[in-house]
């Protein structure tokens, strides 16, 4: 199956919007799974939820830490399950999401350190790097107490970048975004994929990082 932004670990929030009697409904949903014809989402049941008619035109919008993606779809069906609403959404072209981002990202390995105020430190290498943040794999599952605490991220650039950045590194505040255990990638099967986002990345550092990512893409 071709790549789909819905499977991207850097995707933070997903929304489905549609019209019900000329009233626009916007619902934040969780991605469940997809097959070759449909994607399945769920959302907490709202007391004022208006069930859309079958084949209702809708928009799926996916927010990633490096941009926004969207696709026009149809809601084939929706149903209640306990305290949830389940949506069956038709995606004839699963990979056909418009890329609305203006940043660059790439699979690149940089030495990274994430340090918390209590002294806890994560030493790793990036798996995915973007203007918005990083992703990395770990065989360890870190305590959830660090999911809500800010930390300081240090990225070490390769030596060829030191002419542009004499310090040879980027230091920025970062926050935890999400974590999942890998089930589809044999190389990282059973490991934990962590995503962190930058907080208030300075313009000079953003320009430096953009230049580095573009070079890697080229």
Protein backbone atom coordinates (compact mmCIF):
# COMPACT_ATOMS: atom_id res chain seq x y z
CA UNK A 1 0.00 0.00 0.00
CA UNK A 2 1.31 3.45 -0.85
CA UNK A 3 2.32 5.90 1.85
CA UNK A 4 -0.51 7.65 3.64
CA UNK A 5 -0.26 10.60 6.02
CA UNK A 6 -2.80 8.88 8.30
CA UNK A 7 -0.08 6.33 9.15
CA UNK A 8 2.48 9.04 9.90
CA UNK A 9 3.58 8.95 13.56
CA UNK A 10 4.04 12.73 13.44
CA UNK A 11 0.33 13.30 12.84
CA UNK A 12 -1.08 14.98 15.94
CA UNK A 13 -4.75 15.77 15.32
CA UNK A 14 -7.32 14.65 12.74
CA UNK A 15 -10.61 16.40 12.01
CA UNK A 16 -13.62 15.46 9.89
CA UNK A 17 -15.89 18.30 8.78
CA UNK A 18 -19.20 18.12 6.91
CA UNK A 19 -22.47 20.02 6.53
CA UNK A 20 -25.69 19.03 8.26
CA UNK A 21 -28.68 21.09 7.10
CA UNK A 22 -26.28 23.87 6.06
CA UNK A 23 -24.61 23.83 9.47
CA UNK A 24 -20.91 22.99 9.38
CA UNK A 25 -19.90 20.24 11.80
CA UNK A 26 -16.25 19.82 12.77
CA UNK A 27 -15.33 16.72 14.79
CA UNK A 28 -11.92 15.70 16.11
CA UNK A 29 -11.43 11.99 15.54
CA UNK A 30 -9.00 9.16 16.20
CA UNK A 31 -7.70 7.10 13.29
CA UNK A 32 -8.47 3.40 13.83
CA UNK A 33 -7.40 1.50 10.71
CA UNK A 34 -7.84 1.42 6.95
CA UNK A 35 -8.35 -1.12 4.22
CA UNK A 36 -8.10 -0.70 0.45
CA UNK A 37 -11.33 1.30 0.18
CA UNK A 38 -12.11 2.95 3.50
CA UNK A 39 -10.58 4.49 6.58
CA UNK A 40 -12.20 4.13 9.99
CA UNK A 41 -12.30 6.81 12.68
CA UNK A 42 -13.89 7.21 16.10
CA UNK A 43 -14.87 10.15 18.30
CA UNK A 44 -16.49 10.56 21.74
CA UNK A 45 -20.25 10.71 21.41
CA UNK A 46 -21.61 14.24 21.74
CA UNK A 47 -25.13 14.88 23.04
CA UNK A 48 -25.80 17.17 20.09
CA UNK A 49 -24.17 14.89 17.51
CA UNK A 50 -25.98 14.96 14.19
CA UNK A 51 -25.51 11.71 12.29
CA UNK A 52 -24.56 12.51 8.68
CA UNK A 53 -26.45 10.89 5.85
CA UNK A 54 -24.70 8.13 3.92
CA UNK A 55 -22.43 9.36 1.12
CA UNK A 56 -22.14 12.80 2.76
CA UNK A 57 -19.32 14.90 1.31
CA UNK A 58 -16.71 15.69 3.93
CA UNK A 59 -13.17 16.91 4.46
CA UNK A 60 -10.48 15.08 6.42
CA UNK A 61 -7.75 17.38 7.73
CA UNK A 62 -4.59 16.00 9.36
CA UNK A 63 -2.30 18.19 11.46
CA UNK A 64 1.30 17.03 11.67
CA UNK A 65 4.07 18.77 13.58
CA UNK A 66 5.52 19.87 10.24
CA UNK A 67 2.35 20.96 8.44
CA UNK A 68 -1.26 20.31 7.50
CA UNK A 69 -2.73 17.80 5.03
CA UNK A 70 -6.29 17.49 3.77
CA UNK A 71 -8.43 15.37 1.44
CA UNK A 72 -12.01 15.53 0.16
CA UNK A 73 -13.86 12.32 1.08
CA UNK A 74 -17.32 10.84 1.61
CA UNK A 75 -18.72 9.54 4.87
CA UNK A 76 -20.10 6.18 3.81
CA UNK A 77 -21.69 5.48 7.16
CA UNK A 78 -21.58 6.33 10.87
CA UNK A 79 -22.88 4.46 13.87
CA UNK A 80 -22.93 4.50 17.66
CA UNK A 81 -20.86 2.06 19.71
CA UNK A 82 -21.16 2.48 23.47
CA UNK A 83 -20.11 6.08 24.09
CA UNK A 84 -18.36 6.49 20.74
CA UNK A 85 -19.29 7.42 17.20
CA UNK A 86 -17.66 5.38 14.45
CA UNK A 87 -17.12 6.82 10.98
CA UNK A 88 -16.55 4.83 7.79
CA UNK A 89 -14.90 7.20 5.34
CA UNK A 90 -14.34 6.43 1.68
CA UNK A 91 -10.85 7.22 0.44
CA UNK A 92 -10.63 6.00 -3.18
CA UNK A 93 -7.06 7.30 -3.37
CA UNK A 94 -5.61 6.69 0.06
CA UNK A 95 -2.43 8.61 -0.67
CA UNK A 96 -4.16 11.58 -2.33
CA UNK A 97 -3.78 14.15 0.45
CA UNK A 98 -2.96 17.74 -0.47
CA UNK A 99 0.22 18.81 1.25
CA UNK A 100 -0.38 22.25 2.75
CA UNK A 101 2.87 22.44 4.68
CA UNK A 102 5.59 24.96 3.88
CA UNK A 103 8.40 23.18 5.69
CA UNK A 104 10.82 20.41 4.84
CA UNK A 105 11.42 17.09 6.54
CA UNK A 106 13.46 14.01 5.94
CA UNK A 107 14.55 10.70 7.35
CA UNK A 108 17.91 11.63 8.79
CA UNK A 109 19.97 10.44 11.75
CA UNK A 110 21.41 13.07 14.07
CA UNK A 111 22.72 12.52 17.58
CA UNK A 112 20.13 13.92 20.00
CA UNK A 113 19.87 14.43 23.75
CA UNK A 114 16.64 15.28 25.59
CA UNK A 115 17.21 16.47 29.16
CA UNK A 116 14.52 17.09 31.80
CA UNK A 117 14.70 19.35 34.85
CA UNK A 118 14.97 16.39 37.25
CA UNK A 119 18.12 15.20 35.48
CA UNK A 120 16.50 12.42 33.44
CA UNK A 121 18.18 12.24 30.05
CA UNK A 122 17.39 10.47 26.78
CA UNK A 123 20.34 9.88 24.46
CA UNK A 124 19.31 8.77 21.00
CA UNK A 125 19.51 9.38 17.23
CA UNK A 126 16.71 10.93 15.22
CA UNK A 127 14.70 8.76 12.86
CA UNK A 128 12.72 11.62 11.34
CA UNK A 129 13.60 15.32 11.42
CA UNK A 130 11.38 18.29 10.51
CA UNK A 131 11.15 22.01 11.12
CA UNK A 132 8.52 21.16 13.71
CA UNK A 133 10.34 18.47 15.66
CA UNK A 134 11.88 15.01 15.71
CA UNK A 135 10.94 11.36 15.95
CA UNK A 136 13.15 8.56 17.30
CA UNK A 137 12.96 4.90 18.21
CA UNK A 138 13.77 3.46 21.62
CA UNK A 139 13.67 -0.04 23.04
CA UNK A 140 12.67 1.55 26.35
CA UNK A 141 9.24 2.80 27.32
CA UNK A 142 9.80 5.99 29.29
CA UNK A 143 7.62 7.01 32.23
CA UNK A 144 4.47 8.94 31.38
CA UNK A 145 5.45 11.63 33.89
CA UNK A 146 7.67 13.02 31.11
CA UNK A 147 4.78 13.34 28.66
CA UNK A 148 3.69 16.63 30.22
CA UNK A 149 7.03 18.14 31.18
CA UNK A 150 9.14 20.42 28.95
CA UNK A 151 12.72 19.44 28.25
CA UNK A 152 15.83 20.75 26.49
CA UNK A 153 16.71 19.09 23.18
CA UNK A 154 20.24 19.19 21.80
CA UNK A 155 20.85 18.13 18.18
CA UNK A 156 24.43 17.61 17.02
CA UNK A 157 25.08 18.45 13.37
CA UNK A 158 27.67 16.68 11.19
CA UNK A 159 31.04 18.42 10.86
CA UNK A 160 30.32 19.72 7.36
CA UNK A 161 27.64 21.96 8.92
CA UNK A 162 30.01 23.61 11.37
CA UNK A 163 30.96 26.39 8.94
CA UNK A 164 27.32 27.53 9.05
CA UNK A 165 26.93 26.77 12.75
CA UNK A 166 30.26 27.01 14.64
CA UNK A 167 28.64 25.51 17.76
CA UNK A 168 27.95 22.33 15.79
CA UNK A 169 24.61 21.88 17.51
CA UNK A 170 21.08 23.18 17.99
CA UNK A 171 19.61 23.64 21.48
CA UNK A 172 15.87 24.24 21.86
CA UNK A 173 13.00 23.59 24.27
CA UNK A 174 10.89 20.59 23.32
CA UNK A 175 7.65 18.87 24.34
CA UNK A 176 6.49 15.26 24.04
CA UNK A 177 3.84 14.75 21.31
CA UNK A 178 3.05 11.06 21.12
CA UNK A 179 4.40 7.51 21.40
CA UNK A 180 3.42 4.20 19.83
CA UNK A 181 4.84 0.70 19.76
CA UNK A 182 5.97 -0.42 16.30
CA UNK A 183 4.04 -3.29 14.77
CA UNK A 184 4.56 -2.83 11.02
CA UNK A 185 8.28 -2.16 10.59
CA UNK A 186 10.30 -5.36 10.96
CA UNK A 187 13.52 -3.45 11.62
CA UNK A 188 12.01 -1.68 14.62
CA UNK A 189 9.35 -4.22 15.57
CA UNK A 190 8.42 -3.95 19.24
CA UNK A 191 10.34 -0.71 19.74
CA UNK A 192 8.71 2.56 20.77
CA UNK A 193 8.52 5.46 18.33
CA UNK A 194 8.58 8.83 20.14
CA UNK A 195 7.69 12.20 18.63
CA UNK A 196 8.75 15.54 20.12
CA UNK A 197 8.03 19.06 18.87
CA UNK A 198 10.18 22.18 19.07
CA UNK A 199 8.95 25.08 21.21
CA UNK A 200 9.70 28.60 19.95
CA UNK A 201 12.48 27.59 17.57
CA UNK A 202 14.48 30.80 16.84
CA UNK A 203 14.34 32.08 13.25
CA UNK A 204 18.10 31.66 12.71
CA UNK A 205 17.94 28.06 13.89
CA UNK A 206 14.89 27.42 11.73
CA UNK A 207 16.72 28.74 8.66
CA UNK A 208 19.75 26.61 9.51
CA UNK A 209 17.62 23.50 9.94
CA UNK A 210 15.70 24.19 6.72
CA UNK A 211 18.95 24.47 4.78
CA UNK A 212 20.20 21.21 6.28
CA UNK A 213 16.98 19.35 5.44
CA UNK A 214 16.86 20.68 1.87
CA UNK A 215 20.45 19.55 1.31
CA UNK A 216 19.51 16.08 2.58
CA UNK A 217 16.46 15.93 0.32
CA UNK A 218 18.47 17.00 -2.72
